[in-house]
Amino acid sequence: SEADSPGDACAEIIHLVQAARERGVAVQELNPDSKSGLIASYHILTVPTVLILAPNGNVVSRLEGEAPETVARIRSQLERLH
């Protein structure tokens, strides 16, 4: 439901990630309340967090929060992925 909030930075991030998935980028969305080991493995402490990973699983880019500059960086980095 958060993705439907017009003008909300988190909603914009959700849409950017969904658009990347539609282009064929592998995406894993995690609920912060989940017991996924990925949350601990990648030290995700804040929501939203977007990680860009190398094929070997190493973090190439870590983008946290909803600041306009962060959203712009997320957009730029996701648009470059295929």
Protein backbone atom coordinates (compact mmCIF):
# COMPACT_ATOMS: atom_id res chain seq x y z
CA SER A 1 0.00 0.00 0.00
CA GLU A 2 2.93 2.33 0.61
CA ALA A 3 3.76 2.19 -3.10
CA ASP A 4 0.47 3.95 -3.80
CA SER A 5 1.29 7.08 -1.79
CA PRO A 6 1.76 9.90 -4.34
CA GLY A 7 4.71 12.17 -3.65
CA ASP A 8 6.18 9.79 -1.08
CA ALA A 9 9.91 9.13 -1.50
CA CYS A 10 9.60 5.53 -0.31
CA ALA A 11 6.83 4.93 -2.87
CA GLU A 12 9.09 6.34 -5.58
CA ILE A 13 11.88 3.96 -4.53
CA ILE A 14 9.46 1.02 -4.65
CA HIS A 15 8.44 2.00 -8.19
CA LEU A 16 12.06 2.37 -9.30
CA VAL A 17 12.89 -1.09 -7.97
CA GLN A 18 9.78 -2.60 -9.58
CA ALA A 19 10.71 -1.00 -12.92
CA ALA A 20 14.18 -2.53 -12.67
CA ARG A 21 12.59 -5.94 -12.02
CA GLU A 22 10.37 -5.50 -15.09
CA ARG A 23 13.52 -4.89 -17.18
CA GLY A 24 14.92 -8.20 -15.98
CA VAL A 25 17.09 -7.06 -13.07
CA ALA A 26 17.06 -9.63 -10.26
CA VAL A 27 15.33 -8.05 -7.27
CA GLN A 28 14.81 -9.37 -3.76
CA GLU A 29 12.44 -7.36 -1.60
CA LEU A 30 12.55 -8.02 2.12
CA ASN A 31 10.05 -7.12 4.79
CA PRO A 32 11.98 -5.52 7.66
CA ASP A 33 10.09 -7.75 10.10
CA SER A 34 11.07 -10.94 8.31
CA LYS A 35 13.53 -13.39 9.76
CA SER A 36 15.55 -13.44 6.53
CA GLY A 37 19.23 -14.07 7.07
CA LEU A 38 19.93 -11.55 4.32
CA ILE A 39 18.95 -8.70 6.64
CA ALA A 40 21.65 -9.70 9.10
CA SER A 41 24.18 -10.71 6.44
CA TYR A 42 24.02 -7.32 4.74
CA HIS A 43 23.61 -5.36 8.00
CA ILE A 44 20.34 -3.72 6.95
CA LEU A 45 19.42 -1.41 9.80
CA THR A 46 17.22 1.19 8.14
CA VAL A 47 14.29 1.22 5.74
CA PRO A 48 14.45 1.81 2.88
CA THR A 49 17.79 0.31 1.97
CA VAL A 50 18.69 -0.51 -1.63
CA LEU A 51 21.74 -2.66 -2.24
CA ILE A 52 23.30 -3.14 -5.66
CA LEU A 53 25.21 -6.41 -5.64
CA ALA A 54 27.95 -7.81 -7.85
CA PRO A 55 27.34 -11.30 -9.27
CA ASN A 56 29.43 -12.72 -6.41
CA GLY A 57 27.15 -11.11 -3.79
CA ASN A 58 29.50 -8.31 -2.79
CA VAL A 59 27.85 -4.93 -2.22
CA VAL A 60 28.68 -2.52 -5.05
CA SER A 61 26.43 0.26 -3.79
CA ARG A 62 24.46 0.81 -0.58
CA LEU A 63 21.74 3.47 -0.62
CA GLU A 64 19.79 4.18 2.56
CA GLY A 65 16.95 6.54 3.36
CA GLU A 66 14.53 8.74 1.47
CA ALA A 67 16.43 11.99 0.96
CA PRO A 68 15.93 13.48 -2.51
CA GLU A 69 19.64 12.98 -3.27
CA THR A 70 19.36 9.30 -2.31
CA VAL A 71 16.30 8.77 -4.49
CA ALA A 72 18.15 10.41 -7.40
CA ARG A 73 21.16 8.12 -6.89
CA ILE A 74 18.89 5.05 -6.70
CA ARG A 75 17.20 6.11 -9.96
CA SER A 76 20.53 6.67 -11.69
CA GLN A 77 22.08 3.41 -10.55
CA LEU A 78 19.02 1.25 -11.25
CA GLU A 79 18.57 2.75 -14.72
CA ARG A 80 22.08 1.61 -15.63
CA LEU A 81 21.36 -2.02 -14.75
CA HIS A 82 20.16 -4.48 -17.38
